[in-house]
Amino acid sequence: MSLNQLLTDQPRPQIADSATLLGNVHVGAGAILAQGLVVRSHGGNVSVGNYSAVLENGVIIGTPEHPVRVGQRTVFGHRATIVGATIGDLCEIGNGAILMPGSRLGNGCILGEGTLVPPDSVIPTDSVLVGRPPHVIRSATDADRERLAVLRQHQTDLTDYPGTVVSGPISAGEGMGTLYAYRDKVPVIGDGAVLFDSAELTGDVVIGPQSLIGAGVKIIGDSHGPVRVGSRVQILENTVLHLLPDNELIIDDDVIIGPGAMITAAESAGAASSNRRQSFATGVLSAPSPSSAPARASSNGISSANGRSSTGSRPDRSAR
């Protein structure tokens, strides 16, 4: 990772060692990119403004069709997912919020935890939103603005620092992720499959041929049971697959999951035996579920208004 053209008279951004930046990302002066964050910027189409912060285990994806533009002094909570959205200055985005392609938030917006902003939504300045889909419960009050100012140590001024460009390779790295044995089980990777360096697989996991495991993905198949991933599957940034006791997780061919999804293979209604199999058929599961129990992926998935998948262009597999 390299910082290009950083001016000595502007505050440096704070980028955690465990944050993963893929492509060219414009990072504002004093901005914070926290631990476990994954940013995928196709064609330099992600910009994070001065003194803004994206907290732990978030995901940002920007493409030429759907760039990400974050204003100044805006804060995203833990596990927030931003795909092709534009966000104004001095916004407060709750933990686990999801902003879909083409959505636009005005200045001073406040989103509750887990709020899902659909594709191409336009949210007026100073709106307070909650829910999936969201609804505006009121406009931000002076008390709201004072609370946000306190969280920012009353530093709410906007600055004209130019920021800098941070570069990281957008292709999968040479490390091909980290594989952990658990007891006598070691993950198995099929021919032509690609793991990004920060992906981690544990125990009884089989990845099918030509599948792609994105940056920050965690797949855990330990003593509880196996995880089987089919061919040509894409499991995108910061997704977590995990088993509870006496379960089996099966992902069929050509499924796309994530970014930022969390799937726990747990007991479900209609399970016929103690060995419960959760299967994902062909389709797209594009947004984290509000509950831990997995759902069957739809053949339509969640798409932007022009019919393209909400996950944007896929990462470059050319490294391996």
C-alpha atoms as a PDB file:
ATOM      1  CA  MET A   1       0.000   0.000   0.000  1.00  0.00           C
ATOM      2  CA  SER A   2       1.361   3.428  -0.853  1.00  0.00           C
ATOM      3  CA  LEU A   3       0.338   7.013  -0.083  1.00  0.00           C
ATOM      4  CA  ASN A   4       0.896   9.268  -3.077  1.00  0.00           C
ATOM      5  CA  GLN A   5       1.515  13.007  -2.988  1.00  0.00           C
ATOM      6  CA  LEU A   6       0.814  13.479   0.725  1.00  0.00           C
ATOM      7  CA  LEU A   7       1.361  17.155   1.520  1.00  0.00           C
ATOM      8  CA  THR A   8       3.376  17.782   4.669  1.00  0.00           C
ATOM      9  CA  ASP A   9       1.061  20.570   5.890  1.00  0.00           C
ATOM     10  CA  GLN A  10      -2.095  18.459   6.043  1.00  0.00           C
ATOM     11  CA  PRO A  11      -2.953  15.856   8.707  1.00  0.00           C
ATOM     12  CA  ARG A  12      -2.187  12.299   7.719  1.00  0.00           C
ATOM     13  CA  PRO A  13      -5.032   9.818   7.429  1.00  0.00           C
ATOM     14  CA  GLN A  14      -5.086   6.960   9.925  1.00  0.00           C
ATOM     15  CA  ILE A  15      -5.273   3.635   8.096  1.00  0.00           C
ATOM     16  CA  ALA A  16      -5.215   0.496  10.210  1.00  0.00           C
ATOM     17  CA  ASP A  17      -2.713  -2.197   9.328  1.00  0.00           C
ATOM     18  CA  SER A  18      -5.552  -4.702   8.932  1.00  0.00           C
ATOM     19  CA  ALA A  19      -7.582  -2.480   6.609  1.00  0.00           C
ATOM     20  CA  THR A  20      -7.493  -3.712   2.994  1.00  0.00           C
ATOM     21  CA  LEU A  21      -7.517  -1.200   0.156  1.00  0.00           C
ATOM     22  CA  LEU A  22      -7.908  -2.558  -3.364  1.00  0.00           C
ATOM     23  CA  GLY A  23      -7.283  -0.037  -6.135  1.00  0.00           C
ATOM     24  CA  ASN A  24      -6.760   3.723  -5.886  1.00  0.00           C
ATOM     25  CA  VAL A  25      -8.684   5.311  -3.006  1.00  0.00           C
ATOM     26  CA  HIS A  26      -8.821   9.054  -2.344  1.00  0.00           C
ATOM     27  CA  VAL A  27      -8.486   9.469   1.435  1.00  0.00           C
ATOM     28  CA  GLY A  28      -9.033  12.853   3.038  1.00  0.00           C
ATOM     29  CA  ALA A  29      -6.796  14.540   5.555  1.00  0.00           C
ATOM     30  CA  GLY A  30      -7.277  13.150   9.048  1.00  0.00           C
ATOM     31  CA  ALA A  31      -9.659  10.437   7.835  1.00  0.00           C
ATOM     32  CA  ILE A  32      -9.838   7.128   9.721  1.00  0.00           C
ATOM     33  CA  LEU A  33     -10.052   3.735   8.014  1.00  0.00           C
ATOM     34  CA  ALA A  34     -10.357   1.272  10.868  1.00  0.00           C
ATOM     35  CA  GLN A  35      -9.409  -2.349  11.475  1.00  0.00           C
ATOM     36  CA  GLY A  36     -10.867  -4.944   9.159  1.00  0.00           C
ATOM     37  CA  LEU A  37     -12.278  -2.447   6.674  1.00  0.00           C
ATOM     38  CA  VAL A  38     -12.222  -3.540   3.021  1.00  0.00           C
ATOM     39  CA  VAL A  39     -12.336  -0.913   0.279  1.00  0.00           C
ATOM     40  CA  ARG A  40     -12.594  -1.996  -3.370  1.00  0.00           C
ATOM     41  CA  SER A  41     -12.164   0.918  -5.771  1.00  0.00           C
ATOM     42  CA  HIS A  42     -12.490   0.191  -9.497  1.00  0.00           C
ATOM     43  CA  GLY A  43     -10.947   3.000 -11.546  1.00  0.00           C
ATOM     44  CA  GLY A  44     -10.310   5.210  -8.518  1.00  0.00           C
ATOM     45  CA  ASN A  45     -14.009   5.562  -7.756  1.00  0.00           C
ATOM     46  CA  VAL A  46     -13.911   5.739  -3.956  1.00  0.00           C
ATOM     47  CA  SER A  47     -13.362   9.010  -2.097  1.00  0.00           C
ATOM     48  CA  VAL A  48     -13.510   9.477   1.677  1.00  0.00           C
ATOM     49  CA  GLY A  49     -13.579  13.102   2.796  1.00  0.00           C
ATOM     50  CA  ASN A  50     -11.467  14.982   5.314  1.00  0.00           C
ATOM     51  CA  TYR A  51     -11.823  13.771   8.911  1.00  0.00           C
ATOM     52  CA  SER A  52     -14.441  11.174   8.013  1.00  0.00           C
ATOM     53  CA  ALA A  53     -14.244   7.739   9.635  1.00  0.00           C
ATOM     54  CA  VAL A  54     -15.247   4.243   8.551  1.00  0.00           C
ATOM     55  CA  LEU A  55     -15.118   1.944  11.556  1.00  0.00           C
ATOM     56  CA  GLU A  56     -14.263  -1.713  12.008  1.00  0.00           C
ATOM     57  CA  ASN A  57     -15.182  -4.434   9.503  1.00  0.00           C
ATOM     58  CA  GLY A  58     -16.994  -2.138   7.083  1.00  0.00           C
ATOM     59  CA  VAL A  59     -17.086  -2.543   3.301  1.00  0.00           C
ATOM     60  CA  ILE A  60     -16.864   0.154   0.618  1.00  0.00           C
ATOM     61  CA  ILE A  61     -17.207  -0.682  -3.086  1.00  0.00           C
ATOM     62  CA  GLY A  62     -17.056   1.938  -5.833  1.00  0.00           C
ATOM     63  CA  THR A  63     -17.223   1.407  -9.602  1.00  0.00           C
ATOM     64  CA  PRO A  64     -17.286   3.750 -12.614  1.00  0.00           C
ATOM     65  CA  GLU A  65     -21.063   3.292 -12.840  1.00  0.00           C
ATOM     66  CA  HIS A  66     -21.609   3.670  -9.105  1.00  0.00           C
ATOM     67  CA  PRO A  67     -18.807   5.619  -7.403  1.00  0.00           C
ATOM     68  CA  VAL A  68     -18.634   6.166  -3.655  1.00  0.00           C
ATOM     69  CA  ARG A  69     -18.283   9.737  -2.488  1.00  0.00           C
ATOM     70  CA  VAL A  70     -18.156  10.415   1.252  1.00  0.00           C
ATOM     71  CA  GLY A  71     -18.215  14.004   2.490  1.00  0.00           C
ATOM     72  CA  GLN A  72     -16.295  15.515   5.385  1.00  0.00           C
ATOM     73  CA  ARG A  73     -16.572  14.579   9.069  1.00  0.00           C
ATOM     74  CA  THR A  74     -19.031  11.766   8.360  1.00  0.00           C
ATOM     75  CA  VAL A  75     -18.808   8.649  10.553  1.00  0.00           C
ATOM     76  CA  PHE A  76     -19.838   5.092   9.638  1.00  0.00           C
ATOM     77  CA  GLY A  77     -20.399   2.583  12.433  1.00  0.00           C
ATOM     78  CA  HIS A  78     -19.083  -0.960  12.647  1.00  0.00           C
ATOM     79  CA  ARG A  79     -19.896  -3.326   9.735  1.00  0.00           C
ATOM     80  CA  ALA A  80     -21.456  -0.602   7.608  1.00  0.00           C
ATOM     81  CA  THR A  81     -21.655  -1.467   3.902  1.00  0.00           C
ATOM     82  CA  ILE A  82     -21.465   1.260   1.244  1.00  0.00           C
ATOM     83  CA  VAL A  83     -21.884   0.216  -2.386  1.00  0.00           C
ATOM     84  CA  GLY A  84     -21.914   2.990  -4.986  1.00  0.00           C
ATOM     85  CA  ALA A  85     -23.484   5.632  -2.727  1.00  0.00           C
ATOM     86  CA  THR A  86     -22.954   9.367  -2.183  1.00  0.00           C
ATOM     87  CA  ILE A  87     -22.981  10.671   1.389  1.00  0.00           C
ATOM     88  CA  GLY A  88     -22.853  14.295   2.469  1.00  0.00           C
ATOM     89  CA  ASP A  89     -20.935  16.099   5.213  1.00  0.00           C
ATOM     90  CA  LEU A  90     -21.448  15.579   8.964  1.00  0.00           C
ATOM     91  CA  CYS A  91     -23.574  12.442   8.646  1.00  0.00           C
ATOM     92  CA  GLU A  92     -23.788   9.738  11.324  1.00  0.00           C
ATOM     93  CA  ILE A  93     -24.336   6.229   9.922  1.00  0.00           C
ATOM     94  CA  GLY A  94     -25.264   3.507  12.424  1.00  0.00           C
ATOM     95  CA  ASN A  95     -23.647   0.110  12.872  1.00  0.00           C
ATOM     96  CA  GLY A  96     -24.560  -2.384  10.176  1.00  0.00           C
ATOM     97  CA  ALA A  97     -26.234   0.166   7.912  1.00  0.00           C
ATOM     98  CA  ILE A  98     -26.328  -0.629   4.183  1.00  0.00           C
ATOM     99  CA  LEU A  99     -26.276   1.948   1.390  1.00  0.00           C
ATOM    100  CA  MET A 100     -27.095   0.530  -2.035  1.00  0.00           C
ATOM    101  CA  PRO A 101     -25.945   1.701  -5.492  1.00  0.00           C
ATOM    102  CA  GLY A 102     -27.093   5.138  -6.583  1.00  0.00           C
ATOM    103  CA  SER A 103     -28.390   6.167  -3.157  1.00  0.00           C
ATOM    104  CA  ARG A 104     -27.673   9.728  -2.064  1.00  0.00           C
ATOM    105  CA  LEU A 105     -27.688  11.170   1.450  1.00  0.00           C
ATOM    106  CA  GLY A 106     -27.744  14.907   2.067  1.00  0.00           C
ATOM    107  CA  ASN A 107     -25.655  16.679   4.694  1.00  0.00           C
ATOM    108  CA  GLY A 108     -26.319  16.011   8.361  1.00  0.00           C
ATOM    109  CA  CYS A 109     -28.296  12.777   7.931  1.00  0.00           C
ATOM    110  CA  ILE A 110     -28.540  10.284  10.805  1.00  0.00           C
ATOM    111  CA  LEU A 111     -29.158   6.573  10.109  1.00  0.00           C
ATOM    112  CA  GLY A 112     -30.113   4.135  12.840  1.00  0.00           C
ATOM    113  CA  GLU A 113     -28.369   0.806  13.253  1.00  0.00           C
ATOM    114  CA  GLY A 114     -29.058  -1.649  10.444  1.00  0.00           C
ATOM    115  CA  THR A 115     -30.841   0.876   8.233  1.00  0.00           C
ATOM    116  CA  LEU A 116     -31.016  -0.237   4.580  1.00  0.00           C
ATOM    117  CA  VAL A 117     -31.117   2.552   1.983  1.00  0.00           C
ATOM    118  CA  PRO A 118     -32.400   1.085  -1.335  1.00  0.00           C
ATOM    119  CA  PRO A 119     -30.839   1.752  -4.754  1.00  0.00           C
ATOM    120  CA  ASP A 120     -31.271   5.245  -6.205  1.00  0.00           C
ATOM    121  CA  SER A 121     -32.912   6.621  -3.046  1.00  0.00           C
ATOM    122  CA  VAL A 122     -32.460  10.346  -2.404  1.00  0.00           C
ATOM    123  CA  ILE A 123     -32.493  11.288   1.281  1.00  0.00           C
ATOM    124  CA  PRO A 124     -32.976  14.990   2.119  1.00  0.00           C
ATOM    125  CA  THR A 125     -30.516  16.943   4.259  1.00  0.00           C
ATOM    126  CA  ASP A 126     -30.861  16.531   8.055  1.00  0.00           C
ATOM    127  CA  SER A 127     -33.085  13.449   7.803  1.00  0.00           C
ATOM    128  CA  VAL A 128     -33.215  10.907  10.636  1.00  0.00           C
ATOM    129  CA  LEU A 129     -33.914   7.428   9.208  1.00  0.00           C
ATOM    130  CA  VAL A 130     -34.494   3.961  10.587  1.00  0.00           C
ATOM    131  CA  GLY A 131     -35.636   0.620   9.210  1.00  0.00           C
ATOM    132  CA  ARG A 132     -35.535  -1.753   6.236  1.00  0.00           C
ATOM    133  CA  PRO A 133     -36.792  -0.146   4.041  1.00  0.00           C
ATOM    134  CA  PRO A 134     -36.049   3.128   5.803  1.00  0.00           C
ATOM    135  CA  HIS A 135     -38.543   5.745   6.824  1.00  0.00           C
ATOM    136  CA  VAL A 136     -37.810   9.301   7.903  1.00  0.00           C
ATOM    137  CA  ILE A 137     -38.963   9.676  11.491  1.00  0.00           C
ATOM    138  CA  ARG A 138     -38.089  13.367  11.760  1.00  0.00           C
ATOM    139  CA  SER A 139     -35.570  16.022  10.865  1.00  0.00           C
ATOM    140  CA  ALA A 140     -32.403  16.369  12.917  1.00  0.00           C
ATOM    141  CA  THR A 141     -32.832  18.730  15.869  1.00  0.00           C
ATOM    142  CA  ASP A 142     -30.439  21.137  17.522  1.00  0.00           C
ATOM    143  CA  ALA A 143     -30.001  18.507  20.240  1.00  0.00           C
ATOM    144  CA  ASP A 144     -28.996  15.933  17.601  1.00  0.00           C
ATOM    145  CA  ARG A 145     -26.486  18.314  16.094  1.00  0.00           C
ATOM    146  CA  GLU A 146     -25.038  19.118  19.521  1.00  0.00           C
ATOM    147  CA  ARG A 147     -24.665  15.422  20.319  1.00  0.00           C
ATOM    148  CA  LEU A 148     -22.815  14.835  17.041  1.00  0.00           C
ATOM    149  CA  ALA A 149     -20.639  17.878  17.706  1.00  0.00           C
ATOM    150  CA  VAL A 150     -19.701  16.463  21.119  1.00  0.00           C
ATOM    151  CA  LEU A 151     -18.733  13.152  19.487  1.00  0.00           C
ATOM    152  CA  ARG A 152     -16.475  15.150  17.162  1.00  0.00           C
ATOM    153  CA  GLN A 153     -15.021  17.199  20.031  1.00  0.00           C
ATOM    154  CA  HIS A 154     -16.830  20.225  18.575  1.00  0.00           C
ATOM    155  CA  GLN A 155     -14.632  20.062  15.491  1.00  0.00           C
ATOM    156  CA  THR A 156     -17.302  20.414  12.819  1.00  0.00           C
ATOM    157  CA  ASP A 157     -15.604  22.851  10.461  1.00  0.00           C
ATOM    158  CA  LEU A 158     -15.088  21.792   6.848  1.00  0.00           C
ATOM    159  CA  THR A 159     -11.576  22.087   5.436  1.00  0.00           C
ATOM    160  CA  ASP A 160     -10.018  22.444   2.007  1.00  0.00           C
ATOM    161  CA  TYR A 161      -7.176  19.972   2.429  1.00  0.00           C
ATOM    162  CA  PRO A 162      -6.732  18.076  -0.843  1.00  0.00           C
ATOM    163  CA  GLY A 163      -6.214  14.654   0.747  1.00  0.00           C
ATOM    164  CA  THR A 164      -4.143  11.943  -0.881  1.00  0.00           C
ATOM    165  CA  VAL A 165      -4.465   8.830  -3.017  1.00  0.00           C
ATOM    166  CA  VAL A 166      -3.792   5.500  -1.345  1.00  0.00           C
ATOM    167  CA  SER A 167      -3.006   2.633  -3.708  1.00  0.00           C
ATOM    168  CA  GLY A 168      -3.300  -1.103  -3.227  1.00  0.00           C
ATOM    169  CA  PRO A 169      -3.421  -3.975  -5.741  1.00  0.00           C
ATOM    170  CA  ILE A 170      -6.964  -4.841  -6.779  1.00  0.00           C
ATOM    171  CA  SER A 171      -5.991  -8.366  -7.835  1.00  0.00           C
ATOM    172  CA  ALA A 172      -5.718 -11.250  -5.387  1.00  0.00           C
ATOM    173  CA  GLY A 173      -2.356 -11.421  -3.677  1.00  0.00           C
ATOM    174  CA  GLU A 174       0.253 -14.129  -3.721  1.00  0.00           C
ATOM    175  CA  GLY A 175      -0.629 -15.375  -0.248  1.00  0.00           C
ATOM    176  CA  MET A 176      -3.996 -16.831  -1.335  1.00  0.00           C
ATOM    177  CA  GLY A 177      -5.501 -16.339   2.123  1.00  0.00           C
ATOM    178  CA  THR A 178      -4.783 -18.205   5.350  1.00  0.00           C
ATOM    179  CA  LEU A 179      -5.887 -21.804   5.925  1.00  0.00           C
ATOM    180  CA  TYR A 180      -6.184 -23.106   9.489  1.00  0.00           C
ATOM    181  CA  ALA A 181      -6.364 -26.767  10.400  1.00  0.00           C
ATOM    182  CA  TYR A 182      -8.815 -27.809  13.090  1.00  0.00           C
ATOM    183  CA  ARG A 183      -8.127 -31.212  14.607  1.00  0.00           C
ATOM    184  CA  ASP A 184      -7.695 -33.441  11.550  1.00  0.00           C
ATOM    185  CA  LYS A 185      -9.502 -31.159   9.091  1.00  0.00           C
ATOM    186  CA  VAL A 186      -7.746 -28.795   6.668  1.00  0.00           C
ATOM    187  CA  PRO A 187      -9.562 -26.540   4.151  1.00  0.00           C
ATOM    188  CA  VAL A 188      -9.432 -27.764   0.537  1.00  0.00           C
ATOM    189  CA  ILE A 189      -9.253 -25.311  -2.376  1.00  0.00           C
ATOM    190  CA  GLY A 190     -10.433 -26.381  -5.844  1.00  0.00           C
ATOM    191  CA  ASP A 191      -8.612 -25.780  -9.118  1.00  0.00           C
ATOM    192  CA  GLY A 192      -8.687 -22.178 -10.281  1.00  0.00           C
ATOM    193  CA  ALA A 193     -10.231 -20.856  -7.064  1.00  0.00           C
ATOM    194  CA  VAL A 194      -8.920 -17.524  -5.785  1.00  0.00           C
ATOM    195  CA  LEU A 195      -8.562 -16.363  -2.188  1.00  0.00           C
ATOM    196  CA  PHE A 196      -7.633 -12.801  -1.332  1.00  0.00           C
ATOM    197  CA  ASP A 197      -4.793 -12.461   1.146  1.00  0.00           C
ATOM    198  CA  SER A 198      -6.929 -11.406   4.122  1.00  0.00           C
ATOM    199  CA  ALA A 199      -9.441 -14.267   3.696  1.00  0.00           C
ATOM    200  CA  GLU A 200      -9.317 -16.923   6.440  1.00  0.00           C
ATOM    201  CA  LEU A 201     -10.677 -20.483   6.281  1.00  0.00           C
ATOM    202  CA  THR A 202     -10.801 -22.864   9.226  1.00  0.00           C
ATOM    203  CA  GLY A 203     -11.385 -26.612   9.464  1.00  0.00           C
ATOM    204  CA  ASP A 204     -13.750 -28.688   7.347  1.00  0.00           C
ATOM    205  CA  VAL A 205     -14.204 -26.313   4.377  1.00  0.00           C
ATOM    206  CA  VAL A 206     -14.148 -27.224   0.681  1.00  0.00           C
ATOM    207  CA  ILE A 207     -14.039 -24.461  -1.942  1.00  0.00           C
ATOM    208  CA  GLY A 208     -15.115 -25.506  -5.439  1.00  0.00           C
ATOM    209  CA  PRO A 209     -13.280 -24.823  -8.697  1.00  0.00           C
ATOM    210  CA  GLN A 210     -13.194 -21.274 -10.096  1.00  0.00           C
ATOM    211  CA  SER A 211     -14.727 -19.778  -6.950  1.00  0.00           C
ATOM    212  CA  LEU A 212     -13.641 -16.434  -5.527  1.00  0.00           C
ATOM    213  CA  ILE A 213     -13.234 -15.707  -1.805  1.00  0.00           C
ATOM    214  CA  GLY A 214     -12.939 -11.967  -1.255  1.00  0.00           C
ATOM    215  CA  ALA A 215     -10.886  -9.862   1.117  1.00  0.00           C
ATOM    216  CA  GLY A 216     -11.763 -10.196   4.785  1.00  0.00           C
ATOM    217  CA  VAL A 217     -14.001 -13.266   4.329  1.00  0.00           C
ATOM    218  CA  LYS A 218     -14.104 -15.726   7.240  1.00  0.00           C
ATOM    219  CA  ILE A 219     -15.377 -19.289   6.690  1.00  0.00           C
ATOM    220  CA  ILE A 220     -15.454 -21.532   9.752  1.00  0.00           C
ATOM    221  CA  GLY A 221     -16.126 -25.241   9.439  1.00  0.00           C
ATOM    222  CA  ASP A 222     -14.726 -26.739  12.599  1.00  0.00           C
ATOM    223  CA  SER A 223     -15.882 -29.623  14.790  1.00  0.00           C
ATOM    224  CA  HIS A 224     -19.548 -28.787  14.243  1.00  0.00           C
ATOM    225  CA  GLY A 225     -19.774 -29.843  10.612  1.00  0.00           C
ATOM    226  CA  PRO A 226     -18.675 -29.122   7.048  1.00  0.00           C
ATOM    227  CA  VAL A 227     -18.960 -26.108   4.754  1.00  0.00           C
ATOM    228  CA  ARG A 228     -19.166 -26.974   1.064  1.00  0.00           C
ATOM    229  CA  VAL A 229     -18.866 -24.194  -1.517  1.00  0.00           C
ATOM    230  CA  GLY A 230     -19.714 -25.045  -5.129  1.00  0.00           C
ATOM    231  CA  SER A 231     -18.081 -24.020  -8.393  1.00  0.00           C
ATOM    232  CA  ARG A 232     -17.887 -20.406  -9.625  1.00  0.00           C
ATOM    233  CA  VAL A 233     -19.208 -19.071  -6.328  1.00  0.00           C
ATOM    234  CA  GLN A 234     -18.341 -15.504  -5.267  1.00  0.00           C
ATOM    235  CA  ILE A 235     -18.182 -14.811  -1.544  1.00  0.00           C
ATOM    236  CA  LEU A 236     -17.471 -11.118  -1.325  1.00  0.00           C
ATOM    237  CA  GLU A 237     -15.774  -8.776   1.131  1.00  0.00           C
ATOM    238  CA  ASN A 238     -16.103  -9.282   4.905  1.00  0.00           C
ATOM    239  CA  THR A 239     -18.714 -12.027   4.649  1.00  0.00           C
ATOM    240  CA  VAL A 240     -18.762 -14.540   7.514  1.00  0.00           C
ATOM    241  CA  LEU A 241     -19.958 -18.155   7.186  1.00  0.00           C
ATOM    242  CA  HIS A 242     -20.154 -20.060  10.448  1.00  0.00           C
ATOM    243  CA  LEU A 243     -21.674 -23.283  11.754  1.00  0.00           C
ATOM    244  CA  LEU A 244     -23.480 -24.107  14.946  1.00  0.00           C
ATOM    245  CA  PRO A 245     -23.482 -27.698  16.279  1.00  0.00           C
ATOM    246  CA  ASP A 246     -24.854 -30.542  14.133  1.00  0.00           C
ATOM    247  CA  ASN A 247     -25.191 -28.500  10.958  1.00  0.00           C
ATOM    248  CA  GLU A 248     -23.976 -28.563   7.378  1.00  0.00           C
ATOM    249  CA  LEU A 249     -23.716 -25.547   5.083  1.00  0.00           C
ATOM    250  CA  ILE A 250     -23.966 -26.175   1.331  1.00  0.00           C
ATOM    251  CA  ILE A 251     -23.596 -23.374  -1.231  1.00  0.00           C
ATOM    252  CA  ASP A 252     -24.496 -24.477  -4.745  1.00  0.00           C
ATOM    253  CA  ASP A 253     -22.759 -23.463  -7.976  1.00  0.00           C
ATOM    254  CA  ASP A 254     -22.842 -19.863  -9.274  1.00  0.00           C
ATOM    255  CA  VAL A 255     -24.072 -18.224  -6.073  1.00  0.00           C
ATOM    256  CA  ILE A 256     -22.964 -14.689  -5.121  1.00  0.00           C
ATOM    257  CA  ILE A 257     -22.950 -13.823  -1.399  1.00  0.00           C
ATOM    258  CA  GLY A 258     -22.108 -10.454   0.129  1.00  0.00           C
ATOM    259  CA  PRO A 259     -20.462  -8.097   0.606  1.00  0.00           C
ATOM    260  CA  GLY A 260     -20.772  -7.955   4.365  1.00  0.00           C
ATOM    261  CA  ALA A 261     -23.203 -10.886   4.705  1.00  0.00           C
ATOM    262  CA  MET A 262     -23.308 -13.046   7.816  1.00  0.00           C
ATOM    263  CA  ILE A 263     -24.635 -16.592   7.498  1.00  0.00           C
ATOM    264  CA  THR A 264     -24.902 -18.940  10.436  1.00  0.00           C
ATOM    265  CA  ALA A 265     -26.033 -22.473   9.649  1.00  0.00           C
ATOM    266  CA  ALA A 266     -28.421 -22.926  12.527  1.00  0.00           C
ATOM    267  CA  GLU A 267     -31.595 -24.873  13.235  1.00  0.00           C
ATOM    268  CA  SER A 268     -34.380 -23.818  10.862  1.00  0.00           C
ATOM    269  CA  ALA A 269     -38.099 -24.440  10.646  1.00  0.00           C
ATOM    270  CA  GLY A 270     -38.899 -27.712   8.904  1.00  0.00           C
ATOM    271  CA  ALA A 271     -35.575 -29.391   9.621  1.00  0.00           C
ATOM    272  CA  ALA A 272     -36.215 -33.116   9.576  1.00  0.00           C
ATOM    273  CA  SER A 273     -33.241 -34.483  11.469  1.00  0.00           C
ATOM    274  CA  SER A 274     -30.506 -33.575  13.910  1.00  0.00           C
ATOM    275  CA  ASN A 275     -28.086 -33.163  10.993  1.00  0.00           C
ATOM    276  CA  ARG A 276     -29.451 -30.024   9.384  1.00  0.00           C
ATOM    277  CA  ARG A 277     -28.341 -29.010   5.924  1.00  0.00           C
ATOM    278  CA  GLN A 278     -28.612 -25.379   4.829  1.00  0.00           C
ATOM    279  CA  SER A 279     -28.408 -25.076   1.055  1.00  0.00           C
ATOM    280  CA  PHE A 280     -28.072 -21.969  -1.091  1.00  0.00           C
ATOM    281  CA  ALA A 281     -29.320 -22.372  -4.649  1.00  0.00           C
ATOM    282  CA  THR A 282     -28.190 -20.375  -7.669  1.00  0.00           C
ATOM    283  CA  GLY A 283     -28.690 -16.659  -7.138  1.00  0.00           C
ATOM    284  CA  VAL A 284     -27.441 -13.585  -5.339  1.00  0.00           C
ATOM    285  CA  LEU A 285     -27.525 -12.882  -1.623  1.00  0.00           C
ATOM    286  CA  SER A 286     -26.357  -9.289  -1.657  1.00  0.00           C
ATOM    287  CA  ALA A 287     -27.082  -7.791   1.746  1.00  0.00           C
ATOM    288  CA  PRO A 288     -26.622  -8.915   5.331  1.00  0.00           C
ATOM    289  CA  SER A 289     -29.700 -10.535   6.802  1.00  0.00           C
ATOM    290  CA  PRO A 290     -31.162  -8.897   9.929  1.00  0.00           C
ATOM    291  CA  SER A 291     -31.265 -12.329  11.606  1.00  0.00           C
ATOM    292  CA  SER A 292     -28.561 -14.935  12.008  1.00  0.00           C
ATOM    293  CA  ALA A 293     -30.483 -17.756  10.336  1.00  0.00           C
ATOM    294  CA  PRO A 294     -29.701 -18.149   6.642  1.00  0.00           C
ATOM    295  CA  ALA A 295     -32.291 -17.724   3.902  1.00  0.00           C
ATOM    296  CA  ARG A 296     -32.384 -19.286   0.455  1.00  0.00           C
ATOM    297  CA  ALA A 297     -30.774 -17.030  -2.123  1.00  0.00           C
ATOM    298  CA  SER A 298     -33.154 -15.583  -4.703  1.00  0.00           C
ATOM    299  CA  SER A 299     -32.583 -15.928  -8.422  1.00  0.00           C
ATOM    300  CA  ASN A 300     -33.167 -12.173  -8.691  1.00  0.00           C
ATOM    301  CA  GLY A 301     -31.215 -10.978  -5.669  1.00  0.00           C
ATOM    302  CA  ILE A 302     -30.932  -7.313  -4.806  1.00  0.00           C
ATOM    303  CA  SER A 303     -30.182  -5.230  -7.877  1.00  0.00           C
ATOM    304  CA  SER A 304     -29.770  -1.621  -8.786  1.00  0.00           C
ATOM    305  CA  ALA A 305     -32.402   0.100 -10.906  1.00  0.00           C
ATOM    306  CA  ASN A 306     -30.571  -0.713 -14.135  1.00  0.00           C
ATOM    307  CA  GLY A 307     -30.745  -4.416 -13.392  1.00  0.00           C
ATOM    308  CA  ARG A 308     -27.096  -4.963 -12.522  1.00  0.00           C
ATOM    309  CA  SER A 309     -26.028  -6.783  -9.407  1.00  0.00           C
ATOM    310  CA  SER A 310     -25.647  -4.538  -6.386  1.00  0.00           C
ATOM    311  CA  THR A 311     -22.194  -5.923  -5.653  1.00  0.00           C
ATOM    312  CA  GLY A 312     -20.538  -4.097  -8.550  1.00  0.00           C
ATOM    313  CA  SER A 313     -17.732  -5.409 -10.700  1.00  0.00           C
ATOM    314  CA  ARG A 314     -16.038  -8.507  -9.398  1.00  0.00           C
ATOM    315  CA  PRO A 315     -12.440  -8.340  -8.122  1.00  0.00           C
ATOM    316  CA  ASP A 316      -9.636  -9.201 -10.485  1.00  0.00           C
ATOM    317  CA  ARG A 317      -8.775 -12.918 -10.380  1.00  0.00           C
ATOM    318  CA  SER A 318      -5.670 -12.551 -12.522  1.00  0.00           C
ATOM    319  CA  ALA A 319      -3.122 -13.014  -9.766  1.00  0.00           C
ATOM    320  CA  ARG A 320      -3.420 -16.783  -9.735  1.00  0.00           C
END
